[in-house]
Amino acid sequence: MTEFIQDILMQTWGTLREMSPFLLFGFLVAGILYVFIRPELVERHLGGEGVSQVVKASILGVPLPLCSCGVIPVAASLRRHGAGKGATTAFLISTPQTGVDSIMVTLSLLGPVFAVFRPLFAFVSGVFGGAAVNLLDRGGGGGTAQKGPVCVDCDADGGHRSAGMGGALRYGFHTLPGDINRALIAGILLAGLIGALVPDDFFASVLGGGIIAMLVMMAVGIPIYVCATASVPIAAALIAKGVSPGAALAFLMTGPATNAATIMTVSRVMGRRTAAIYLGVVAVSAIAGGLLLDAIFHAGSFDGTMRHPWMLPGWLKSVSAALLLAVMAGSFFRLPGGKGEPAADIKGKVLKIKIEGMTCEHCASSVTRALKEVRGVSSAWVDLKKGEAFVTGGDLDISLLGEAVESLGYKVTGSDDSGT
């Protein structure tokens, strides 16, 4: 029993050491992207129904560190601000499959071929999906652009994005890890369990290769939620135990891009036909990408196993692993300077709205931004932990506020204007 536990811990620690230097660098780049890629920049390039908007949406989506829960409100906001259905769908498909942080983890655990192919095919599937929606679901045209003053840089607390390196570090090493910490920890532990429990080549003998193995991995990936970064250690462990790289790619594409909640929300926000096209494109792309990746690995005799030690010294991996653990632990706590609750100096009534479905800081920021766009609102902020939004202003219309929130795919479960 002691040896078994030690084996799990060693497998888990080994995975953590391999990925930590790359993931920390990915967090830094993600923070820089957060500061420099503003919402209004994205919206400016995605208006209309043309092919160029679809291509731009896929390009913008690939590096952004947004999970499937966080991309839904962002995509809904893009739609409300004039983005076409095709461009919005392309963004929905390409974004959750990968991000700069997950690309770096893929490089560390699955090697350069996988790390290049994964984001490239996320882009291709996004373009394919956007073009399919433009061709097969022409109803609705572009979204209805919002008029009036808009807070394009709102954070969840109602303030503005921090500019410069400070804002990048805050987002990259606190906000983003806070959004994925539980899923990432679970993914690393599950990879350790698979490494310790499953015999070598087990999946090769049980599943075989080709389309059957990919269909099984898709069946696992589609209904459950696995974020793009946390899914990589699991895929690496599966490959080490006999799953083909193509089947692992099918899991990596469908797990982050689809789950039951995402599909239902896409159906509500974009329509059932778009949701069906979305799901079909992801499934077809996963099979096509898996077959192509297996062919590439076979033709080039590349190593598809999880260990790609690179030339990093052991001490650097260990120090990076310790730093990553510290970052993940710190992300559970609120940094000073944020508004966890309404400011004490606000006068008059504060309308409290109870919201169901917010799971990350991206969700909270999207709700904050949508509320601030409603006529009469002077300030708005969100308490993510409690699932509540607070709004102040004159002549507030609760029905308009509710519509703004529900247009993002969330559910308003109640409101209270008695103050805070």
Protein backbone atom coordinates (compact mmCIF):
# COMPACT_ATOMS: atom_id res chain seq x y z
CA MET A 1 0.00 0.00 0.00
CA THR A 2 2.84 2.37 0.89
CA GLU A 3 4.61 1.65 -2.39
CA PHE A 4 1.36 2.25 -4.29
CA ILE A 5 0.88 5.68 -2.69
CA GLN A 6 4.54 6.52 -3.31
CA ASP A 7 4.12 5.55 -6.97
CA ILE A 8 1.11 7.89 -7.34
CA LEU A 9 2.98 10.73 -5.66
CA MET A 10 6.07 10.20 -7.82
CA GLN A 11 4.00 10.12 -11.01
CA THR A 12 2.16 13.28 -9.94
CA TRP A 13 5.36 15.10 -8.96
CA GLY A 14 7.02 14.10 -12.23
CA THR A 15 4.16 15.54 -14.26
CA LEU A 16 4.17 18.71 -12.18
CA ARG A 17 7.94 19.19 -12.62
CA GLU A 18 7.80 18.74 -16.39
CA MET A 19 4.99 21.23 -16.95
CA SER A 20 5.73 23.92 -14.34
CA PRO A 21 8.43 25.99 -16.13
CA PHE A 22 6.32 26.13 -19.28
CA LEU A 23 3.04 26.84 -17.51
CA LEU A 24 4.54 29.70 -15.50
CA PHE A 25 5.80 31.25 -18.73
CA GLY A 26 2.36 30.67 -20.25
CA PHE A 27 0.74 32.51 -17.33
CA LEU A 28 3.03 35.48 -17.95
CA VAL A 29 2.21 35.64 -21.67
CA ALA A 30 -1.51 35.23 -20.90
CA GLY A 31 -1.32 38.22 -18.58
CA ILE A 32 0.35 40.33 -21.27
CA LEU A 33 -2.34 39.31 -23.79
CA TYR A 34 -5.03 40.24 -21.27
CA VAL A 35 -3.62 43.76 -20.94
CA PHE A 36 -3.07 44.40 -24.65
CA ILE A 37 -5.98 42.58 -26.33
CA ARG A 38 -8.93 44.75 -25.32
CA PRO A 39 -12.59 43.82 -25.84
CA GLU A 40 -13.19 46.73 -28.18
CA LEU A 41 -10.28 45.55 -30.36
CA VAL A 42 -11.92 42.14 -30.75
CA GLU A 43 -15.35 43.63 -31.44
CA ARG A 44 -14.01 46.05 -34.02
CA HIS A 45 -12.70 43.19 -36.16
CA LEU A 46 -15.62 40.76 -35.86
CA GLY A 47 -18.57 42.77 -37.18
CA GLY A 48 -20.36 41.43 -40.25
CA GLU A 49 -20.77 38.03 -41.87
CA GLY A 50 -17.74 37.78 -44.18
CA VAL A 51 -15.00 35.16 -44.35
CA SER A 52 -12.42 37.64 -43.06
CA GLN A 53 -14.38 38.08 -39.82
CA VAL A 54 -14.48 34.31 -39.33
CA VAL A 55 -10.72 34.02 -39.89
CA LYS A 56 -10.01 36.93 -37.54
CA ALA A 57 -12.24 35.41 -34.86
CA SER A 58 -10.35 32.11 -35.01
CA ILE A 59 -6.97 33.85 -34.93
CA LEU A 60 -7.98 35.96 -31.93
CA GLY A 61 -9.47 32.96 -30.15
CA VAL A 62 -6.49 30.59 -30.30
CA PRO A 63 -4.10 32.37 -27.85
CA LEU A 64 -6.72 33.69 -25.42
CA PRO A 65 -6.80 31.78 -22.10
CA LEU A 66 -10.59 31.37 -21.94
CA CYS A 67 -12.22 28.13 -20.85
CA SER A 68 -15.59 26.94 -22.19
CA CYS A 69 -17.47 28.53 -19.28
CA GLY A 70 -15.68 31.86 -19.72
CA VAL A 71 -15.91 32.03 -23.51
CA ILE A 72 -19.73 31.81 -23.60
CA PRO A 73 -20.44 35.24 -22.07
CA VAL A 74 -17.60 36.80 -24.06
CA ALA A 75 -19.04 35.37 -27.29
CA ALA A 76 -22.55 36.48 -26.31
CA SER A 77 -21.20 39.98 -25.68
CA LEU A 78 -19.49 39.97 -29.08
CA ARG A 79 -22.81 39.00 -30.64
CA ARG A 80 -24.62 41.82 -28.84
CA HIS A 81 -22.01 44.30 -30.05
CA GLY A 82 -22.41 43.47 -33.74
CA ALA A 83 -20.41 40.28 -34.41
CA GLY A 84 -21.97 37.94 -36.95
CA LYS A 85 -23.09 34.41 -36.12
CA GLY A 86 -20.25 32.89 -38.13
CA ALA A 87 -17.55 34.96 -36.45
CA THR A 88 -19.05 34.32 -33.01
CA THR A 89 -19.18 30.57 -33.66
CA ALA A 90 -15.58 30.57 -34.89
CA PHE A 91 -14.56 32.31 -31.67
CA LEU A 92 -16.61 29.82 -29.61
CA ILE A 93 -14.91 26.84 -31.24
CA SER A 94 -11.28 27.97 -31.42
CA THR A 95 -10.96 29.72 -28.05
CA PRO A 96 -11.64 27.02 -25.41
CA GLN A 97 -9.63 24.35 -27.23
CA THR A 98 -6.35 26.04 -26.46
CA GLY A 99 -4.67 29.14 -25.09
CA VAL A 100 -1.14 30.33 -24.61
CA ASP A 101 -0.94 28.61 -21.21
CA SER A 102 -2.21 25.26 -22.53
CA ILE A 103 0.07 25.50 -25.57
CA MET A 104 3.09 25.75 -23.26
CA VAL A 105 1.89 22.78 -21.18
CA THR A 106 1.33 20.79 -24.38
CA LEU A 107 4.89 21.61 -25.44
CA SER A 108 6.26 20.39 -22.11
CA LEU A 109 4.33 17.10 -21.89
CA LEU A 110 3.49 16.15 -25.49
CA GLY A 111 6.31 17.66 -27.51
CA PRO A 112 6.65 20.23 -30.31
CA VAL A 113 4.66 18.37 -32.99
CA PHE A 114 1.58 18.17 -30.78
CA ALA A 115 2.12 21.73 -29.50
CA VAL A 116 2.10 23.12 -33.06
CA PHE A 117 -0.68 20.91 -34.40
CA ARG A 118 -3.15 21.52 -31.57
CA PRO A 119 -3.54 25.32 -31.92
CA LEU A 120 -3.30 25.07 -35.70
CA PHE A 121 -6.23 22.68 -35.83
CA ALA A 122 -8.15 24.75 -33.29
CA PHE A 123 -7.87 27.59 -35.81
CA VAL A 124 -8.92 25.35 -38.72
CA SER A 125 -11.93 23.98 -36.84
CA GLY A 126 -12.96 27.52 -35.88
CA VAL A 127 -12.86 28.68 -39.51
CA PHE A 128 -14.73 25.55 -40.60
CA GLY A 129 -17.42 26.09 -37.96
CA GLY A 130 -17.83 29.78 -38.68
CA ALA A 131 -18.09 29.18 -42.42
CA ALA A 132 -20.63 26.40 -41.86
CA VAL A 133 -22.82 28.69 -39.75
CA ASN A 134 -22.63 31.46 -42.35
CA LEU A 135 -23.67 28.97 -45.02
CA LEU A 136 -26.32 26.95 -43.16
CA ASP A 137 -27.75 29.38 -40.61
CA ARG A 138 -28.18 32.76 -42.24
CA GLY A 139 -30.99 33.88 -39.97
CA GLY A 140 -30.32 36.81 -37.66
CA GLY A 141 -27.40 38.39 -39.50
CA GLY A 142 -25.06 40.41 -37.37
CA GLY A 143 -25.74 41.14 -33.75
CA THR A 144 -27.41 44.34 -32.64
CA ALA A 145 -24.68 46.78 -31.71
CA GLN A 146 -25.14 48.50 -28.37
CA LYS A 147 -25.34 52.27 -28.32
CA GLY A 148 -24.25 54.71 -25.70
CA PRO A 149 -21.29 54.74 -23.35
CA VAL A 150 -19.68 51.39 -22.78
CA CYS A 151 -17.15 50.33 -20.17
CA VAL A 152 -14.89 48.27 -22.39
CA ASP A 153 -12.31 47.51 -19.74
CA CYS A 154 -14.45 46.64 -16.72
CA ASP A 155 -13.25 44.12 -14.18
CA ALA A 156 -15.63 42.13 -12.02
CA ASP A 157 -15.36 44.66 -9.21
CA GLY A 158 -16.62 47.47 -11.42
CA GLY A 159 -13.23 49.11 -11.82
CA HIS A 160 -11.04 49.07 -14.89
CA ARG A 161 -8.34 46.72 -16.07
CA SER A 162 -4.97 47.44 -14.58
CA ALA A 163 -2.60 48.59 -17.30
CA GLY A 164 1.04 47.70 -17.74
CA MET A 165 3.08 44.94 -16.20
CA GLY A 166 1.28 45.14 -12.88
CA GLY A 167 -2.02 44.30 -14.52
CA ALA A 168 -0.40 41.51 -16.53
CA LEU A 169 1.15 39.95 -13.42
CA ARG A 170 -2.09 40.26 -11.47
CA TYR A 171 -4.08 38.52 -14.17
CA GLY A 172 -1.43 35.96 -15.17
CA PHE A 173 -0.43 34.85 -11.68
CA HIS A 174 -3.63 35.35 -9.70
CA THR A 175 -6.84 35.70 -11.71
CA LEU A 176 -6.10 33.06 -14.37
CA PRO A 177 -4.71 30.46 -11.91
CA GLY A 178 -7.75 31.13 -9.72
CA ASP A 179 -10.03 30.24 -12.63
CA ILE A 180 -8.32 26.92 -13.40
CA ASN A 181 -6.71 25.86 -10.10
CA ARG A 182 -9.25 23.20 -9.10
CA ALA A 183 -9.43 21.67 -12.57
CA LEU A 184 -5.63 21.76 -12.95
CA ILE A 185 -5.02 20.10 -9.59
CA ALA A 186 -7.59 17.41 -10.43
CA GLY A 187 -5.99 16.87 -13.86
CA ILE A 188 -2.49 16.44 -12.45
CA LEU A 189 -3.71 14.04 -9.75
CA LEU A 190 -5.72 12.03 -12.29
CA ALA A 191 -2.63 11.80 -14.50
CA GLY A 192 -0.71 10.45 -11.50
CA LEU A 193 -3.42 7.87 -10.83
CA ILE A 194 -3.46 6.73 -14.45
CA GLY A 195 0.33 6.46 -14.44
CA ALA A 196 0.33 4.34 -11.28
CA LEU A 197 -2.75 2.18 -11.87
CA VAL A 198 -2.93 1.49 -15.61
CA PRO A 199 -0.51 -1.03 -17.16
CA ASP A 200 1.62 0.04 -20.12
CA ASP A 201 -0.13 -0.35 -23.51
CA PHE A 202 -3.44 -1.11 -21.75
CA PHE A 203 -5.46 1.26 -23.92
CA ALA A 204 -3.76 0.07 -27.11
CA SER A 205 -4.91 -3.49 -26.40
CA VAL A 206 -8.43 -2.51 -25.27
CA LEU A 207 -9.29 0.31 -27.66
CA GLY A 208 -6.96 -0.37 -30.53
CA GLY A 209 -6.36 2.58 -32.82
CA GLY A 210 -8.08 4.56 -35.51
CA ILE A 211 -11.58 5.99 -35.45
CA ILE A 212 -12.94 3.66 -32.74
CA ALA A 213 -10.46 4.93 -30.16
CA MET A 214 -11.21 8.52 -31.19
CA LEU A 215 -14.95 7.98 -30.85
CA VAL A 216 -14.42 6.61 -27.34
CA MET A 217 -12.28 9.61 -26.37
CA MET A 218 -14.92 11.93 -27.85
CA ALA A 219 -17.66 10.15 -25.91
CA VAL A 220 -15.67 10.84 -22.75
CA GLY A 221 -14.83 14.43 -23.68
CA ILE A 222 -18.11 15.83 -25.03
CA PRO A 223 -20.40 15.65 -21.96
CA ILE A 224 -17.87 16.57 -19.26
CA TYR A 225 -16.01 19.81 -18.56
CA VAL A 226 -12.21 19.68 -18.78
CA CYS A 227 -10.33 22.94 -19.27
CA ALA A 228 -7.70 23.19 -22.02
CA THR A 229 -4.73 23.29 -19.62
CA ALA A 230 -5.92 20.69 -17.10
CA SER A 231 -6.73 18.20 -19.86
CA VAL A 232 -3.12 18.01 -21.09
CA PRO A 233 -1.67 15.97 -18.17
CA ILE A 234 -4.59 13.54 -18.55
CA ALA A 235 -3.96 13.20 -22.30
CA ALA A 236 -0.23 12.72 -21.70
CA ALA A 237 -0.91 9.92 -19.21
CA LEU A 238 -3.35 8.26 -21.63
CA ILE A 239 -0.77 8.37 -24.44
CA ALA A 240 1.84 6.84 -22.12
CA LYS A 241 -0.57 3.94 -21.52
CA GLY A 242 -1.30 3.22 -25.17
CA VAL A 243 -3.77 5.79 -26.48
CA SER A 244 -2.74 7.12 -29.89
CA PRO A 245 -1.86 10.83 -30.24
CA GLY A 246 -4.86 11.25 -32.55
CA ALA A 247 -7.28 9.80 -30.01
CA ALA A 248 -5.75 12.03 -27.34
CA LEU A 249 -6.28 15.03 -29.64
CA ALA A 250 -9.95 14.06 -30.00
CA PHE A 251 -10.23 14.22 -26.21
CA LEU A 252 -8.32 17.52 -26.05
CA MET A 253 -10.60 19.09 -28.67
CA THR A 254 -13.98 17.89 -27.40
CA GLY A 255 -13.33 18.10 -23.64
CA PRO A 256 -12.58 21.84 -23.44
CA ALA A 257 -14.83 22.90 -26.35
CA THR A 258 -18.00 21.00 -25.46
CA ASN A 259 -19.92 19.94 -22.39
CA ALA A 260 -23.60 19.64 -21.56
CA ALA A 261 -23.84 23.10 -20.00
CA THR A 262 -21.99 24.79 -22.88
CA ILE A 263 -24.16 23.16 -25.53
CA MET A 264 -27.36 24.21 -23.73
CA THR A 265 -26.09 27.77 -23.35
CA VAL A 266 -25.03 28.03 -27.00
CA SER A 267 -28.50 26.81 -27.97
CA ARG A 268 -30.14 29.47 -25.82
CA VAL A 269 -27.88 32.35 -26.89
CA MET A 270 -27.23 31.49 -30.56
CA GLY A 271 -30.13 29.22 -31.48
CA ARG A 272 -30.57 25.46 -31.77
CA ARG A 273 -29.41 25.26 -35.37
CA THR A 274 -26.14 27.04 -34.55
CA ALA A 275 -25.68 24.79 -31.50
CA ALA A 276 -26.13 21.69 -33.68
CA ILE A 277 -23.62 23.00 -36.23
CA TYR A 278 -21.22 23.88 -33.40
CA LEU A 279 -21.35 20.37 -31.93
CA GLY A 280 -21.14 18.68 -35.33
CA VAL A 281 -18.14 20.73 -36.43
CA VAL A 282 -16.24 20.00 -33.21
CA ALA A 283 -16.95 16.25 -33.57
CA VAL A 284 -15.98 16.08 -37.25
CA SER A 285 -12.88 18.22 -36.67
CA ALA A 286 -11.80 16.00 -33.76
CA ILE A 287 -11.95 12.88 -35.95
CA ALA A 288 -10.27 14.55 -38.93
CA GLY A 289 -7.58 16.12 -36.76
CA GLY A 290 -6.98 12.86 -34.92
CA LEU A 291 -6.53 10.87 -38.12
CA LEU A 292 -4.19 13.49 -39.57
CA LEU A 293 -2.11 13.70 -36.38
CA ASP A 294 -1.75 9.91 -36.19
CA ALA A 295 -0.60 9.92 -39.83
CA ILE A 296 1.98 12.62 -39.06
CA PHE A 297 3.33 10.72 -36.05
CA HIS A 298 3.44 7.49 -38.04
CA ALA A 299 5.17 9.06 -41.05
CA GLY A 300 7.74 10.90 -38.97
CA SER A 301 8.28 8.19 -36.33
CA PHE A 302 7.84 10.83 -33.64
CA ASP A 303 7.69 9.99 -29.95
CA GLY A 304 4.13 10.35 -28.70
CA THR A 305 4.78 9.52 -25.06
CA MET A 306 4.43 12.06 -22.30
CA ARG A 307 8.07 12.61 -21.35
CA HIS A 308 9.87 15.30 -23.28
CA PRO A 309 12.63 16.28 -20.81
CA TRP A 310 14.09 19.04 -22.97
CA MET A 311 17.38 20.41 -21.66
CA LEU A 312 16.14 22.16 -18.55
CA PRO A 313 18.17 21.43 -15.41
CA GLY A 314 16.46 19.40 -12.72
CA TRP A 315 16.78 22.14 -10.13
CA LEU A 316 14.90 24.57 -12.40
CA LYS A 317 12.02 22.11 -12.80
CA SER A 318 11.83 21.57 -9.04
CA VAL A 319 11.96 25.29 -8.25
CA SER A 320 9.32 25.96 -10.91
CA ALA A 321 7.09 23.25 -9.47
CA ALA A 322 7.37 24.82 -6.02
CA LEU A 323 6.59 28.26 -7.48
CA LEU A 324 3.58 26.89 -9.35
CA LEU A 325 2.25 25.32 -6.16
CA ALA A 326 2.68 28.67 -4.41
CA VAL A 327 0.86 30.48 -7.24
CA MET A 328 -1.99 27.98 -7.16
CA ALA A 329 -2.28 28.26 -3.38
CA GLY A 330 -2.20 32.06 -3.52
CA SER A 331 -4.93 32.14 -6.17
CA PHE A 332 -7.42 30.87 -3.59
CA PHE A 333 -7.10 34.17 -1.72
CA ARG A 334 -8.21 37.66 -2.78
CA LEU A 335 -5.47 40.15 -3.56
CA PRO A 336 -5.65 43.52 -1.81
CA GLY A 337 -7.25 46.26 -3.87
CA GLY A 338 -10.24 44.31 -5.21
CA LYS A 339 -13.82 44.96 -4.23
CA GLY A 340 -15.25 41.80 -2.77
CA GLU A 341 -18.32 43.76 -1.68
CA PRO A 342 -19.95 47.13 -2.43
CA ALA A 343 -17.99 50.19 -1.44
CA ALA A 344 -19.06 51.73 1.85
CA ASP A 345 -19.26 55.29 0.48
CA ILE A 346 -21.99 54.56 -2.09
CA LYS A 347 -25.11 56.54 -1.24
CA GLY A 348 -28.70 55.56 -1.93
CA LYS A 349 -30.15 52.20 -2.77
CA VAL A 350 -28.12 49.41 -4.26
CA LEU A 351 -29.96 46.86 -6.37
CA LYS A 352 -28.78 43.32 -5.75
CA ILE A 353 -29.30 40.71 -8.46
CA LYS A 354 -28.87 36.99 -7.78
CA ILE A 355 -27.31 35.22 -10.76
CA GLU A 356 -26.90 31.52 -11.44
CA GLY A 357 -24.13 30.11 -13.65
CA MET A 358 -21.11 32.36 -13.06
CA THR A 359 -18.01 30.23 -12.47
CA CYS A 360 -14.92 32.34 -13.17
CA GLU A 361 -13.59 35.90 -13.29
CA HIS A 362 -14.30 36.11 -17.01
CA CYS A 363 -17.96 35.35 -16.27
CA ALA A 364 -18.05 38.07 -13.61
CA SER A 365 -16.33 40.63 -15.85
CA SER A 366 -18.77 39.93 -18.68
CA VAL A 367 -21.76 40.42 -16.36
CA THR A 368 -20.26 43.65 -14.98
CA ARG A 369 -19.76 45.02 -18.45
CA ALA A 370 -23.27 44.07 -19.61
CA LEU A 371 -24.88 45.71 -16.57
CA LYS A 372 -22.93 48.94 -17.01
CA GLU A 373 -24.27 49.21 -20.57
CA VAL A 374 -27.90 49.29 -19.39
CA ARG A 375 -29.56 52.71 -19.42
CA GLY A 376 -29.52 54.44 -16.03
CA VAL A 377 -26.71 52.38 -14.47
CA SER A 378 -23.94 54.44 -12.89
CA SER A 379 -21.92 51.61 -11.35
CA ALA A 380 -21.98 47.82 -11.20
CA TRP A 381 -19.86 45.10 -9.64
CA VAL A 382 -20.06 41.36 -9.01
CA ASP A 383 -19.40 39.13 -6.01
CA LEU A 384 -18.49 35.91 -7.80
CA LYS A 385 -18.32 33.84 -4.63
CA LYS A 386 -21.91 34.67 -3.66
CA GLY A 387 -23.25 34.72 -7.21
CA GLU A 388 -24.55 38.26 -6.83
CA ALA A 389 -24.32 41.50 -8.84
CA PHE A 390 -24.81 44.99 -7.41
CA VAL A 391 -26.05 47.97 -9.42
CA THR A 392 -26.51 51.65 -8.59
CA GLY A 393 -28.05 54.41 -10.67
CA GLY A 394 -31.22 56.32 -11.37
CA ASP A 395 -34.49 54.89 -12.69
CA LEU A 396 -33.17 51.33 -12.88
CA ASP A 397 -35.29 48.87 -14.87
CA ILE A 398 -34.92 45.37 -13.42
CA SER A 399 -36.33 43.78 -16.58
CA LEU A 400 -33.62 45.41 -18.73
CA LEU A 401 -30.94 44.41 -16.23
CA GLY A 402 -32.23 40.84 -16.26
CA GLU A 403 -32.24 40.76 -20.06
CA ALA A 404 -28.64 41.99 -20.13
CA VAL A 405 -27.52 39.21 -17.77
CA GLU A 406 -29.53 36.45 -19.44
CA SER A 407 -28.31 37.47 -22.90
CA LEU A 408 -24.92 36.15 -21.75
CA GLY A 409 -26.37 32.73 -20.95
CA TYR A 410 -26.85 33.14 -17.19
CA LYS A 411 -30.05 32.92 -15.16
CA VAL A 412 -31.39 35.66 -12.89
CA THR A 413 -32.93 34.00 -9.84
CA GLY A 414 -33.99 37.07 -7.85
CA SER A 415 -33.37 40.70 -6.99
CA ASP A 416 -33.45 42.94 -3.93
CA ASP A 417 -33.46 46.75 -3.90
CA SER A 418 -33.37 47.16 -0.14
CA GLY A 419 -29.67 48.08 -0.23
CA THR A 420 -26.56 46.24 0.94
